[in-house]
Amino acid sequence: MNRLILADNQTIFRAGAARVLALEDDMRIVAQCEDLAKLWTAVEGLRGSIVIVGSSLKPDVPALASKAESLGSHVVLVTENSEPLPDGTAQQLAGVMQRNASGADLLECVRLVARGERYVQRSNVTTIRASDNVGARVRARLTPKEMQIVALIVQGCKNKEIALQLCTKEQVIKNYLRGIYDKTGVSDRLELALFTIHHRVLAEAAAKAGDLIEMRSA
């Protein structure tokens, strides 16, 4: 049984990863952490775990990797899409993967790390797979504004926060979401985030939309 610690400050991503992993008979999530303090507590108390941690938490990677290794655990760093890693950082980790990786990639990573192997995701992870026709079709249906809303949903923002970021009203966001749900075939924001994360073409488009929002607000 693979014992997993999930640490990320994006609630939607954490919930999505947990749902994917919990479906597997050989996976057991023993802790979920939204901040560094809880992460360190979990690492120190749950030896022999695979620690999946988002770079958005800004962990001290060398210290975390060293502590985990001393306790028989392994660290997998989930980086933001296209985020560069400092020289030597990847070598300190059991695994490195990007946030827009599919559920299948996440499972492959965990199982390889559990066998004592290292997993480093390819830099061209966002290349559209030929089999992702569903993601490509849905992406074509979504407007730029809808894509921005999807990006903020994936980041875990609530409707009020999205409205503030996009300079509109909360009711307008609710109206947009109804249309987005219809186009994607999902029923709520968690399913929307999972759908986006699991279709790389959508994840890449959401990442670009999120970057545009950040540039505009800077």
N, C-alpha and C. Protein backbone atom coordinates (compact mmCIF):
# COMPACT_ATOMS: atom_id res chain seq x y z
N MET A 1 0.84 -1.20 0.00
CA MET A 1 0.00 0.00 0.00
C MET A 1 0.88 1.25 0.00
N ASN A 2 0.64 2.15 -0.94
CA ASN A 2 1.39 3.40 -1.03
C ASN A 2 0.71 4.47 -0.17
N ARG A 3 1.43 4.96 0.83
CA ARG A 3 0.91 6.01 1.71
C ARG A 3 1.28 7.37 1.11
N LEU A 4 0.27 8.22 0.94
CA LEU A 4 0.46 9.48 0.23
C LEU A 4 0.11 10.68 1.10
N ILE A 5 0.98 11.69 1.05
CA ILE A 5 0.71 12.99 1.67
C ILE A 5 0.53 13.99 0.54
N LEU A 6 -0.62 14.65 0.49
CA LEU A 6 -0.89 15.67 -0.54
C LEU A 6 -0.76 17.04 0.10
N ALA A 7 0.11 17.87 -0.46
CA ALA A 7 0.31 19.22 0.09
C ALA A 7 0.25 20.24 -1.04
N ASP A 8 -0.75 21.08 -1.01
CA ASP A 8 -0.91 22.10 -2.05
C ASP A 8 -1.88 23.15 -1.53
N ASN A 9 -1.64 24.42 -1.85
CA ASN A 9 -2.54 25.47 -1.37
C ASN A 9 -3.72 25.72 -2.30
N GLN A 10 -3.81 24.93 -3.38
CA GLN A 10 -4.96 25.03 -4.29
C GLN A 10 -5.93 23.89 -3.96
N THR A 11 -7.03 24.24 -3.32
CA THR A 11 -7.98 23.24 -2.83
C THR A 11 -8.50 22.36 -3.94
N ILE A 12 -8.84 22.97 -5.07
CA ILE A 12 -9.40 22.21 -6.18
C ILE A 12 -8.42 21.17 -6.69
N PHE A 13 -7.16 21.56 -6.86
CA PHE A 13 -6.15 20.61 -7.33
C PHE A 13 -5.97 19.48 -6.33
N ARG A 14 -5.92 19.83 -5.04
CA ARG A 14 -5.74 18.82 -4.01
C ARG A 14 -6.90 17.83 -4.01
N ALA A 15 -8.11 18.36 -4.13
CA ALA A 15 -9.28 17.49 -4.15
C ALA A 15 -9.29 16.62 -5.40
N GLY A 16 -8.90 17.19 -6.53
CA GLY A 16 -8.86 16.42 -7.77
C GLY A 16 -7.85 15.31 -7.72
N ALA A 17 -6.66 15.61 -7.24
CA ALA A 17 -5.62 14.58 -7.12
C ALA A 17 -6.06 13.49 -6.15
N ALA A 18 -6.69 13.89 -5.06
CA ALA A 18 -7.15 12.92 -4.06
C ALA A 18 -8.19 11.98 -4.67
N ARG A 19 -9.07 12.54 -5.47
CA ARG A 19 -10.11 11.70 -6.07
C ARG A 19 -9.50 10.69 -7.03
N VAL A 20 -8.53 11.11 -7.82
CA VAL A 20 -7.87 10.21 -8.76
C VAL A 20 -7.14 9.10 -8.02
N LEU A 21 -6.38 9.46 -7.00
CA LEU A 21 -5.56 8.49 -6.27
C LEU A 21 -6.40 7.53 -5.43
N ALA A 22 -7.47 8.04 -4.83
CA ALA A 22 -8.28 7.23 -3.93
C ALA A 22 -9.01 6.10 -4.65
N LEU A 23 -9.14 6.20 -5.96
CA LEU A 23 -9.82 5.16 -6.72
C LEU A 23 -8.95 3.91 -6.90
N GLU A 24 -7.66 4.03 -6.62
CA GLU A 24 -6.72 2.92 -6.82
C GLU A 24 -6.56 2.10 -5.55
N ASP A 25 -6.58 0.78 -5.69
CA ASP A 25 -6.50 -0.10 -4.53
C ASP A 25 -5.16 -0.02 -3.81
N ASP A 26 -4.10 0.38 -4.54
CA ASP A 26 -2.77 0.41 -3.93
C ASP A 26 -2.39 1.78 -3.41
N MET A 27 -3.35 2.70 -3.34
CA MET A 27 -3.08 4.06 -2.88
C MET A 27 -3.90 4.38 -1.62
N ARG A 28 -3.25 5.02 -0.67
CA ARG A 28 -3.96 5.47 0.53
C ARG A 28 -3.47 6.86 0.90
N ILE A 29 -4.38 7.82 0.90
CA ILE A 29 -4.03 9.19 1.27
C ILE A 29 -4.08 9.31 2.78
N VAL A 30 -2.93 9.57 3.38
CA VAL A 30 -2.85 9.61 4.85
C VAL A 30 -2.88 11.03 5.40
N ALA A 31 -2.70 12.04 4.53
CA ALA A 31 -2.76 13.43 5.01
C ALA A 31 -2.93 14.36 3.82
N GLN A 32 -3.67 15.45 4.05
CA GLN A 32 -3.79 16.54 3.08
C GLN A 32 -3.41 17.83 3.81
N CYS A 33 -2.52 18.59 3.21
CA CYS A 33 -1.98 19.78 3.87
C CYS A 33 -2.11 20.99 2.95
N GLU A 34 -2.61 22.10 3.51
CA GLU A 34 -2.76 23.32 2.72
C GLU A 34 -1.70 24.36 3.03
N ASP A 35 -0.80 24.07 3.96
CA ASP A 35 0.27 25.02 4.27
C ASP A 35 1.52 24.27 4.70
N LEU A 36 2.63 24.99 4.81
CA LEU A 36 3.91 24.37 5.10
C LEU A 36 3.98 23.77 6.51
N ALA A 37 3.34 24.43 7.46
CA ALA A 37 3.38 23.93 8.84
C ALA A 37 2.76 22.54 8.92
N LYS A 38 1.61 22.37 8.28
CA LYS A 38 0.95 21.07 8.31
C LYS A 38 1.74 20.04 7.50
N LEU A 39 2.39 20.50 6.44
CA LEU A 39 3.21 19.59 5.63
C LEU A 39 4.34 19.01 6.48
N TRP A 40 5.07 19.87 7.19
CA TRP A 40 6.19 19.40 7.99
C TRP A 40 5.72 18.45 9.11
N THR A 41 4.59 18.77 9.71
CA THR A 41 4.04 17.90 10.75
C THR A 41 3.72 16.52 10.18
N ALA A 42 3.11 16.51 8.97
CA ALA A 42 2.74 15.24 8.34
C ALA A 42 3.98 14.43 7.97
N VAL A 43 4.98 15.11 7.41
CA VAL A 43 6.21 14.41 7.00
C VAL A 43 6.90 13.78 8.21
N GLU A 44 6.96 14.53 9.32
CA GLU A 44 7.64 14.03 10.51
C GLU A 44 6.85 12.91 11.20
N GLY A 45 5.53 12.92 11.06
CA GLY A 45 4.72 11.92 11.76
C GLY A 45 4.33 10.71 10.94
N LEU A 46 4.49 10.81 9.61
CA LEU A 46 4.03 9.72 8.73
C LEU A 46 5.20 9.22 7.89
N ARG A 47 6.04 8.43 8.51
CA ARG A 47 7.23 7.91 7.85
C ARG A 47 6.86 6.98 6.70
N GLY A 48 7.77 6.86 5.75
CA GLY A 48 7.57 5.93 4.64
C GLY A 48 6.45 6.33 3.69
N SER A 49 6.27 7.62 3.53
CA SER A 49 5.19 8.11 2.65
C SER A 49 5.77 8.71 1.37
N ILE A 50 4.92 8.84 0.37
CA ILE A 50 5.25 9.60 -0.83
C ILE A 50 4.59 10.97 -0.67
N VAL A 51 5.41 12.00 -0.65
CA VAL A 51 4.93 13.36 -0.39
C VAL A 51 4.77 14.08 -1.73
N ILE A 52 3.55 14.40 -2.08
CA ILE A 52 3.26 15.13 -3.32
C ILE A 52 2.99 16.58 -2.93
N VAL A 53 3.92 17.47 -3.27
CA VAL A 53 3.84 18.85 -2.78
C VAL A 53 3.89 19.84 -3.94
N GLY A 54 3.02 20.83 -3.91
CA GLY A 54 2.99 21.85 -4.93
C GLY A 54 4.06 22.90 -4.70
N SER A 55 4.71 23.32 -5.77
CA SER A 55 5.74 24.36 -5.64
C SER A 55 5.14 25.69 -5.22
N SER A 56 3.81 25.85 -5.40
CA SER A 56 3.15 27.09 -4.99
C SER A 56 3.20 27.29 -3.48
N LEU A 57 3.46 26.21 -2.71
CA LEU A 57 3.63 26.35 -1.27
C LEU A 57 5.00 26.93 -0.92
N LYS A 58 5.88 26.99 -1.94
CA LYS A 58 7.24 27.51 -1.77
C LYS A 58 8.01 26.76 -0.66
N PRO A 59 8.07 25.45 -0.77
CA PRO A 59 8.80 24.68 0.24
C PRO A 59 10.31 24.84 0.07
N ASP A 60 11.04 24.64 1.15
CA ASP A 60 12.50 24.58 1.09
C ASP A 60 12.82 23.18 0.57
N VAL A 61 12.98 23.06 -0.74
CA VAL A 61 13.09 21.74 -1.37
C VAL A 61 14.25 20.91 -0.82
N PRO A 62 15.46 21.47 -0.74
CA PRO A 62 16.57 20.65 -0.20
C PRO A 62 16.28 20.14 1.22
N ALA A 63 15.76 21.02 2.07
CA ALA A 63 15.48 20.62 3.46
C ALA A 63 14.38 19.57 3.51
N LEU A 64 13.34 19.77 2.70
CA LEU A 64 12.22 18.82 2.69
C LEU A 64 12.67 17.46 2.16
N ALA A 65 13.43 17.47 1.07
CA ALA A 65 13.90 16.22 0.48
C ALA A 65 14.80 15.47 1.45
N SER A 66 15.66 16.21 2.15
CA SER A 66 16.58 15.60 3.11
C SER A 66 15.83 14.99 4.29
N LYS A 67 14.88 15.73 4.83
CA LYS A 67 14.08 15.24 5.95
C LYS A 67 13.27 14.01 5.54
N ALA A 68 12.65 14.07 4.37
CA ALA A 68 11.85 12.94 3.90
C ALA A 68 12.72 11.70 3.74
N GLU A 69 13.89 11.87 3.15
CA GLU A 69 14.78 10.73 2.93
C GLU A 69 15.20 10.09 4.26
N SER A 70 15.45 10.93 5.26
CA SER A 70 15.86 10.40 6.56
C SER A 70 14.75 9.61 7.24
N LEU A 71 13.51 9.84 6.81
CA LEU A 71 12.35 9.15 7.39
C LEU A 71 11.79 8.07 6.47
N GLY A 72 12.54 7.76 5.42
CA GLY A 72 12.10 6.72 4.50
C GLY A 72 11.00 7.15 3.56
N SER A 73 10.84 8.45 3.38
CA SER A 73 9.81 8.98 2.49
C SER A 73 10.44 9.53 1.21
N HIS A 74 9.60 9.85 0.24
CA HIS A 74 10.05 10.38 -1.04
C HIS A 74 9.22 11.61 -1.40
N VAL A 75 9.83 12.60 -2.04
CA VAL A 75 9.14 13.84 -2.39
C VAL A 75 8.96 13.95 -3.89
N VAL A 76 7.71 14.23 -4.30
CA VAL A 76 7.37 14.54 -5.69
C VAL A 76 6.92 16.00 -5.72
N LEU A 77 7.60 16.81 -6.50
CA LEU A 77 7.26 18.24 -6.59
C LEU A 77 6.35 18.47 -7.79
N VAL A 78 5.23 19.14 -7.54
CA VAL A 78 4.30 19.51 -8.61
C VAL A 78 4.55 20.98 -8.95
N THR A 79 5.12 21.22 -10.11
CA THR A 79 5.48 22.58 -10.50
C THR A 79 4.35 23.24 -11.26
N GLU A 80 4.35 24.58 -11.26
CA GLU A 80 3.43 25.31 -12.11
C GLU A 80 3.83 25.06 -13.56
N ASN A 81 2.88 25.16 -14.46
CA ASN A 81 3.13 24.85 -15.86
C ASN A 81 4.26 25.71 -16.42
N SER A 82 5.27 25.05 -16.98
CA SER A 82 6.43 25.71 -17.59
C SER A 82 7.33 26.40 -16.58
N GLU A 83 7.14 26.15 -15.29
CA GLU A 83 7.99 26.75 -14.26
C GLU A 83 9.39 26.14 -14.32
N PRO A 84 10.43 26.96 -14.43
CA PRO A 84 11.79 26.41 -14.46
C PRO A 84 12.23 25.99 -13.07
N LEU A 85 13.04 24.95 -13.00
CA LEU A 85 13.59 24.50 -11.73
C LEU A 85 15.06 24.91 -11.64
N PRO A 86 15.51 25.35 -10.47
CA PRO A 86 16.93 25.68 -10.31
C PRO A 86 17.81 24.47 -10.60
N ASP A 87 19.02 24.73 -11.03
CA ASP A 87 19.95 23.65 -11.33
C ASP A 87 20.13 22.76 -10.10
N GLY A 88 20.02 21.47 -10.33
CA GLY A 88 20.24 20.51 -9.26
C GLY A 88 19.01 20.17 -8.44
N THR A 89 17.93 20.97 -8.57
CA THR A 89 16.74 20.72 -7.74
C THR A 89 16.10 19.38 -8.08
N ALA A 90 15.94 19.09 -9.37
CA ALA A 90 15.29 17.84 -9.77
C ALA A 90 16.03 16.62 -9.24
N GLN A 91 17.36 16.71 -9.15
CA GLN A 91 18.15 15.58 -8.69
C GLN A 91 17.93 15.28 -7.21
N GLN A 92 17.41 16.26 -6.46
CA GLN A 92 17.16 16.08 -5.04
C GLN A 92 15.81 15.42 -4.77
N LEU A 93 15.02 15.27 -5.81
CA LEU A 93 13.64 14.81 -5.65
C LEU A 93 13.45 13.43 -6.25
N ALA A 94 12.42 12.74 -5.76
CA ALA A 94 12.07 11.44 -6.33
C ALA A 94 11.25 11.61 -7.61
N GLY A 95 10.58 12.75 -7.71
CA GLY A 95 9.76 12.98 -8.89
C GLY A 95 9.47 14.46 -9.09
N VAL A 96 9.29 14.84 -10.35
CA VAL A 96 8.90 16.20 -10.72
C VAL A 96 7.83 16.09 -11.79
N MET A 97 6.70 16.76 -11.59
CA MET A 97 5.66 16.76 -12.60
C MET A 97 4.97 18.12 -12.62
N GLN A 98 4.33 18.43 -13.72
CA GLN A 98 3.67 19.72 -13.88
C GLN A 98 2.21 19.64 -13.45
N ARG A 99 1.68 20.78 -13.05
CA ARG A 99 0.32 20.82 -12.52
C ARG A 99 -0.72 20.37 -13.54
N ASN A 100 -0.47 20.58 -14.82
CA ASN A 100 -1.47 20.20 -15.81
C ASN A 100 -1.32 18.75 -16.28
N ALA A 101 -0.58 17.95 -15.53
CA ALA A 101 -0.43 16.53 -15.87
C ALA A 101 -1.77 15.82 -15.73
N SER A 102 -1.94 14.75 -16.48
CA SER A 102 -3.17 13.98 -16.41
C SER A 102 -3.17 13.07 -15.19
N GLY A 103 -4.34 12.52 -14.87
CA GLY A 103 -4.43 11.57 -13.78
C GLY A 103 -3.57 10.35 -14.02
N ALA A 104 -3.50 9.91 -15.28
CA ALA A 104 -2.68 8.75 -15.61
C ALA A 104 -1.20 9.03 -15.34
N ASP A 105 -0.76 10.26 -15.65
CA ASP A 105 0.63 10.63 -15.37
C ASP A 105 0.91 10.63 -13.87
N LEU A 106 -0.04 11.13 -13.10
CA LEU A 106 0.13 11.17 -11.65
C LEU A 106 0.28 9.76 -11.08
N LEU A 107 -0.57 8.84 -11.54
CA LEU A 107 -0.50 7.46 -11.06
C LEU A 107 0.81 6.80 -11.47
N GLU A 108 1.23 7.05 -12.71
CA GLU A 108 2.50 6.48 -13.17
C GLU A 108 3.65 6.99 -12.31
N CYS A 109 3.65 8.29 -12.02
CA CYS A 109 4.69 8.89 -11.20
C CYS A 109 4.76 8.24 -9.83
N VAL A 110 3.62 8.13 -9.16
CA VAL A 110 3.58 7.56 -7.81
C VAL A 110 4.08 6.12 -7.80
N ARG A 111 3.65 5.35 -8.78
CA ARG A 111 4.04 3.93 -8.80
C ARG A 111 5.53 3.75 -9.10
N LEU A 112 6.07 4.59 -9.97
CA LEU A 112 7.51 4.52 -10.24
C LEU A 112 8.32 4.90 -9.01
N VAL A 113 7.90 5.98 -8.36
CA VAL A 113 8.60 6.43 -7.15
C VAL A 113 8.51 5.37 -6.05
N ALA A 114 7.35 4.72 -5.93
CA ALA A 114 7.18 3.67 -4.92
C ALA A 114 8.12 2.50 -5.17
N ARG A 115 8.50 2.29 -6.43
CA ARG A 115 9.43 1.19 -6.76
C ARG A 115 10.89 1.62 -6.65
N GLY A 116 11.10 2.85 -6.20
CA GLY A 116 12.46 3.32 -6.03
C GLY A 116 13.05 3.98 -7.26
N GLU A 117 12.21 4.24 -8.27
CA GLU A 117 12.68 4.90 -9.48
C GLU A 117 12.37 6.39 -9.41
N ARG A 118 12.99 7.17 -10.29
CA ARG A 118 12.74 8.60 -10.35
C ARG A 118 11.83 8.90 -11.53
N TYR A 119 11.01 9.94 -11.38
CA TYR A 119 10.09 10.33 -12.44
C TYR A 119 10.24 11.83 -12.67
N VAL A 120 10.66 12.19 -13.87
CA VAL A 120 10.76 13.60 -14.24
C VAL A 120 9.97 13.79 -15.52
N GLN A 121 8.92 14.58 -15.43
CA GLN A 121 8.03 14.76 -16.57
C GLN A 121 8.73 15.53 -17.68
N ARG A 122 8.41 15.15 -18.90
CA ARG A 122 8.98 15.82 -20.07
C ARG A 122 8.57 17.28 -20.10
N SER A 123 9.45 18.12 -20.62
CA SER A 123 9.16 19.56 -20.69
C SER A 123 8.05 19.85 -21.69
N ASN A 124 7.81 18.95 -22.64
CA ASN A 124 6.76 19.18 -23.64
C ASN A 124 5.46 18.51 -23.23
N VAL A 125 5.21 18.47 -21.91
CA VAL A 125 4.02 17.80 -21.40
C VAL A 125 2.73 18.36 -21.97
N THR A 126 2.74 19.63 -22.38
CA THR A 126 1.50 20.26 -22.83
C THR A 126 1.16 19.94 -24.28
N THR A 127 2.00 19.15 -24.95
CA THR A 127 1.69 18.76 -26.32
C THR A 127 0.38 17.98 -26.34
N ILE A 128 -0.49 18.30 -27.24
CA ILE A 128 -1.79 17.66 -27.31
C ILE A 128 -1.64 16.23 -27.80
N ARG A 129 -2.16 15.28 -27.05
CA ARG A 129 -2.15 13.91 -27.51
C ARG A 129 -3.25 13.71 -28.54
N ALA A 130 -2.98 12.85 -29.50
CA ALA A 130 -3.96 12.60 -30.55
C ALA A 130 -5.27 12.08 -29.98
N SER A 131 -5.18 11.38 -28.84
CA SER A 131 -6.37 10.78 -28.26
C SER A 131 -7.24 11.78 -27.50
N ASP A 132 -6.75 13.01 -27.30
CA ASP A 132 -7.50 13.98 -26.51
C ASP A 132 -8.43 14.80 -27.39
N ASN A 133 -9.24 14.11 -28.18
CA ASN A 133 -10.19 14.80 -29.05
C ASN A 133 -11.26 15.52 -28.25
N VAL A 134 -11.66 14.93 -27.13
CA VAL A 134 -12.70 15.54 -26.30
C VAL A 134 -12.23 16.90 -25.78
N GLY A 135 -11.02 16.94 -25.23
CA GLY A 135 -10.49 18.19 -24.72
C GLY A 135 -10.38 19.25 -25.79
N ALA A 136 -9.94 18.84 -26.98
CA ALA A 136 -9.79 19.79 -28.08
C ALA A 136 -11.14 20.35 -28.52
N ARG A 137 -12.15 19.48 -28.57
CA ARG A 137 -13.49 19.94 -28.98
C ARG A 137 -14.07 20.91 -27.96
N VAL A 138 -13.91 20.58 -26.67
CA VAL A 138 -14.44 21.46 -25.63
C VAL A 138 -13.72 22.80 -25.64
N ARG A 139 -12.40 22.76 -25.82
CA ARG A 139 -11.63 24.01 -25.87
C ARG A 139 -12.13 24.91 -26.98
N ALA A 140 -12.48 24.33 -28.11
CA ALA A 140 -12.95 25.11 -29.25
C ALA A 140 -14.30 25.78 -28.96
N ARG A 141 -15.07 25.21 -28.04
CA ARG A 141 -16.40 25.77 -27.72
C ARG A 141 -16.33 26.92 -26.73
N LEU A 142 -15.27 26.96 -25.93
CA LEU A 142 -15.19 27.96 -24.86
C LEU A 142 -14.65 29.29 -25.37
N THR A 143 -15.29 30.38 -24.95
CA THR A 143 -14.84 31.72 -25.33
C THR A 143 -13.64 32.12 -24.46
N PRO A 144 -12.88 33.14 -24.84
CA PRO A 144 -11.77 33.60 -24.01
C PRO A 144 -12.19 33.94 -22.58
N LYS A 145 -13.36 34.59 -22.43
CA LYS A 145 -13.84 34.92 -21.09
C LYS A 145 -14.14 33.66 -20.29
N GLU A 146 -14.78 32.68 -20.92
CA GLU A 146 -15.07 31.43 -20.24
C GLU A 146 -13.79 30.71 -19.84
N MET A 147 -12.77 30.81 -20.69
CA MET A 147 -11.49 30.16 -20.40
C MET A 147 -10.83 30.81 -19.19
N GLN A 148 -10.99 32.13 -19.05
CA GLN A 148 -10.45 32.82 -17.88
C GLN A 148 -11.14 32.34 -16.61
N ILE A 149 -12.44 32.15 -16.69
CA ILE A 149 -13.20 31.67 -15.52
C ILE A 149 -12.76 30.25 -15.16
N VAL A 150 -12.58 29.42 -16.17
CA VAL A 150 -12.09 28.06 -15.93
C VAL A 150 -10.74 28.09 -15.24
N ALA A 151 -9.85 28.97 -15.70
CA ALA A 151 -8.52 29.09 -15.10
C ALA A 151 -8.62 29.43 -13.62
N LEU A 152 -9.50 30.34 -13.27
CA LEU A 152 -9.64 30.75 -11.87
C LEU A 152 -10.33 29.67 -11.03
N ILE A 153 -11.22 28.91 -11.65
CA ILE A 153 -11.84 27.77 -10.96
C ILE A 153 -10.77 26.74 -10.59
N VAL A 154 -9.89 26.45 -11.53
CA VAL A 154 -8.82 25.48 -11.28
C VAL A 154 -7.92 25.95 -10.16
N GLN A 155 -7.75 27.27 -10.03
CA GLN A 155 -6.93 27.83 -8.96
C GLN A 155 -7.63 27.82 -7.60
N GLY A 156 -8.92 27.42 -7.61
CA GLY A 156 -9.65 27.33 -6.35
C GLY A 156 -10.40 28.58 -5.96
N CYS A 157 -10.55 29.54 -6.88
CA CYS A 157 -11.24 30.80 -6.56
C CYS A 157 -12.74 30.60 -6.46
N LYS A 158 -13.37 31.31 -5.56
CA LYS A 158 -14.83 31.30 -5.45
C LYS A 158 -15.42 32.33 -6.41
N ASN A 159 -16.73 32.28 -6.60
CA ASN A 159 -17.39 33.16 -7.57
C ASN A 159 -17.13 34.63 -7.27
N LYS A 160 -17.17 35.01 -6.00
CA LYS A 160 -16.95 36.41 -5.63
C LYS A 160 -15.54 36.84 -6.01
N GLU A 161 -14.56 35.96 -5.76
CA GLU A 161 -13.17 36.26 -6.10
C GLU A 161 -12.97 36.38 -7.60
N ILE A 162 -13.64 35.49 -8.33
CA ILE A 162 -13.55 35.53 -9.80
C ILE A 162 -14.13 36.84 -10.32
N ALA A 163 -15.28 37.24 -9.76
CA ALA A 163 -15.92 38.48 -10.18
C ALA A 163 -14.99 39.68 -9.95
N LEU A 164 -14.32 39.70 -8.81
CA LEU A 164 -13.39 40.80 -8.51
C LEU A 164 -12.23 40.81 -9.49
N GLN A 165 -11.69 39.63 -9.80
CA GLN A 165 -10.56 39.53 -10.72
C GLN A 165 -10.93 39.98 -12.12
N LEU A 166 -12.16 39.67 -12.53
CA LEU A 166 -12.59 39.97 -13.89
C LEU A 166 -13.42 41.25 -13.97
N CYS A 167 -13.49 41.97 -12.85
CA CYS A 167 -14.18 43.28 -12.82
C CYS A 167 -15.62 43.18 -13.28
N THR A 168 -16.35 42.23 -12.70
CA THR A 168 -17.76 42.07 -13.03
C THR A 168 -18.52 41.68 -11.77
N LYS A 169 -19.78 41.28 -11.92
CA LYS A 169 -20.61 40.93 -10.78
C LYS A 169 -20.65 39.42 -10.58
N GLU A 170 -20.91 39.02 -9.34
CA GLU A 170 -20.94 37.60 -9.02
C GLU A 170 -22.03 36.87 -9.80
N GLN A 171 -23.19 37.52 -10.00
CA GLN A 171 -24.26 36.88 -10.75
C GLN A 171 -23.85 36.62 -12.20
N VAL A 172 -23.04 37.52 -12.76
CA VAL A 172 -22.55 37.33 -14.13
C VAL A 172 -21.69 36.07 -14.21
N ILE A 173 -20.86 35.87 -13.20
CA ILE A 173 -20.02 34.67 -13.16
C ILE A 173 -20.87 33.42 -13.06
N LYS A 174 -21.91 33.46 -12.24
CA LYS A 174 -22.82 32.32 -12.12
C LYS A 174 -23.46 31.99 -13.47
N ASN A 175 -23.84 33.03 -14.20
CA ASN A 175 -24.43 32.82 -15.52
C ASN A 175 -23.43 32.19 -16.48
N TYR A 176 -22.20 32.68 -16.44
CA TYR A 176 -21.14 32.11 -17.28
C TYR A 176 -20.92 30.63 -16.94
N LEU A 177 -20.91 30.34 -15.65
CA LEU A 177 -20.64 28.97 -15.22
C LEU A 177 -21.70 27.99 -15.73
N ARG A 178 -22.94 28.42 -15.77
CA ARG A 178 -23.98 27.54 -16.29
C ARG A 178 -23.69 27.17 -17.75
N GLY A 179 -23.25 28.15 -18.51
CA GLY A 179 -22.90 27.88 -19.91
C GLY A 179 -21.68 26.98 -20.03
N ILE A 180 -20.70 27.21 -19.16
CA ILE A 180 -19.48 26.39 -19.17
C ILE A 180 -19.81 24.94 -18.82
N TYR A 181 -20.66 24.76 -17.82
CA TYR A 181 -21.06 23.40 -17.43
C TYR A 181 -21.74 22.69 -18.60
N ASP A 182 -22.59 23.41 -19.31
CA ASP A 182 -23.28 22.81 -20.46
C ASP A 182 -22.28 22.39 -21.55
N LYS A 183 -21.31 23.23 -21.80
CA LYS A 183 -20.34 22.96 -22.87
C LYS A 183 -19.38 21.83 -22.51
N THR A 184 -19.08 21.69 -21.23
CA THR A 184 -18.12 20.67 -20.81
C THR A 184 -18.78 19.38 -20.35
N GLY A 185 -20.08 19.44 -20.08
CA GLY A 185 -20.79 18.25 -19.64
C GLY A 185 -20.56 17.90 -18.18
N VAL A 186 -20.16 18.88 -17.36
CA VAL A 186 -19.97 18.63 -15.93
C VAL A 186 -21.09 19.30 -15.15
N SER A 187 -21.16 18.99 -13.85
CA SER A 187 -22.28 19.51 -13.06
C SER A 187 -21.88 20.49 -11.97
N ASP A 188 -20.58 20.57 -11.64
CA ASP A 188 -20.16 21.51 -10.60
C ASP A 188 -18.72 21.93 -10.82
N ARG A 189 -18.22 22.82 -9.97
CA ARG A 189 -16.89 23.40 -10.15
C ARG A 189 -15.78 22.38 -9.92
N LEU A 190 -15.98 21.43 -9.00
CA LEU A 190 -14.96 20.40 -8.78
C LEU A 190 -14.82 19.52 -10.02
N GLU A 191 -15.94 19.11 -10.58
CA GLU A 191 -15.89 18.30 -11.80
C GLU A 191 -15.26 19.09 -12.94
N LEU A 192 -15.53 20.39 -13.00
CA LEU A 192 -14.94 21.24 -14.03
C LEU A 192 -13.42 21.30 -13.88
N ALA A 193 -12.96 21.47 -12.65
CA ALA A 193 -11.52 21.52 -12.40
C ALA A 193 -10.86 20.19 -12.76
N LEU A 194 -11.48 19.08 -12.37
CA LEU A 194 -10.94 17.76 -12.69
C LEU A 194 -10.91 17.54 -14.19
N PHE A 195 -11.98 17.91 -14.87
CA PHE A 195 -12.06 17.75 -16.32
C PHE A 195 -10.95 18.53 -17.00
N THR A 196 -10.72 19.75 -16.52
CA THR A 196 -9.68 20.59 -17.11
C THR A 196 -8.30 20.01 -16.87
N ILE A 197 -8.03 19.61 -15.64
CA ILE A 197 -6.73 19.05 -15.29
C ILE A 197 -6.42 17.80 -16.10
N HIS A 198 -7.44 17.00 -16.38
CA HIS A 198 -7.22 15.72 -17.03
C HIS A 198 -7.19 15.80 -18.55
N HIS A 199 -7.46 16.99 -19.11
CA HIS A 199 -7.36 17.19 -20.57
C HIS A 199 -6.29 18.26 -20.81
N ARG A 200 -5.16 17.82 -21.31
CA ARG A 200 -4.00 18.71 -21.37
C ARG A 200 -4.23 19.94 -22.22
N VAL A 201 -4.99 19.80 -23.31
CA VAL A 201 -5.23 20.97 -24.15
C VAL A 201 -5.99 22.03 -23.36
N LEU A 202 -6.92 21.60 -22.52
CA LEU A 202 -7.66 22.54 -21.68
C LEU A 202 -6.77 23.09 -20.56
N ALA A 203 -5.96 22.22 -19.97
CA ALA A 203 -5.07 22.67 -18.90
C ALA A 203 -4.09 23.72 -19.40
N GLU A 204 -3.57 23.52 -20.61
CA GLU A 204 -2.65 24.49 -21.19
C GLU A 204 -3.36 25.81 -21.47
N ALA A 205 -4.57 25.72 -22.04
CA ALA A 205 -5.33 26.94 -22.33
C ALA A 205 -5.67 27.68 -21.04
N ALA A 206 -6.01 26.93 -19.98
CA ALA A 206 -6.32 27.56 -18.69
C ALA A 206 -5.09 28.24 -18.12
N ALA A 207 -3.93 27.59 -18.27
CA ALA A 207 -2.69 28.19 -17.76
C ALA A 207 -2.39 29.51 -18.47
N LYS A 208 -2.59 29.54 -19.78
CA LYS A 208 -2.34 30.77 -20.55
C LYS A 208 -3.34 31.86 -20.14
N ALA A 209 -4.61 31.46 -19.95
CA ALA A 209 -5.62 32.43 -19.54
C ALA A 209 -5.28 33.00 -18.16
N GLY A 210 -4.80 32.12 -17.26
CA GLY A 210 -4.41 32.57 -15.94
C GLY A 210 -3.24 33.53 -15.99
N ASP A 211 -2.29 33.26 -16.88
CA ASP A 211 -1.14 34.16 -17.04
C ASP A 211 -1.58 35.54 -17.52
N LEU A 212 -2.55 35.57 -18.42
CA LEU A 212 -3.06 36.85 -18.94
C LEU A 212 -3.73 37.66 -17.83
N ILE A 213 -4.47 36.95 -16.97
CA ILE A 213 -5.13 37.63 -15.86
C ILE A 213 -4.10 38.25 -14.92
N GLU A 214 -3.04 37.49 -14.62
CA GLU A 214 -1.98 37.98 -13.74
C GLU A 214 -1.26 39.18 -14.36
N MET A 215 -0.99 39.12 -15.64
CA MET A 215 -0.32 40.22 -16.32
C MET A 215 -1.18 41.49 -16.27
N ARG A 216 -2.47 41.31 -16.44
CA ARG A 216 -3.36 42.46 -16.47
C ARG A 216 -3.50 43.10 -15.09
N SER A 217 -3.43 42.26 -14.03
CA SER A 217 -3.61 42.78 -12.68
C SER A 217 -2.31 43.28 -12.07
N ALA A 218 -1.18 42.96 -12.72
CA ALA A 218 0.12 43.37 -12.18
C ALA A 218 0.32 44.88 -12.26
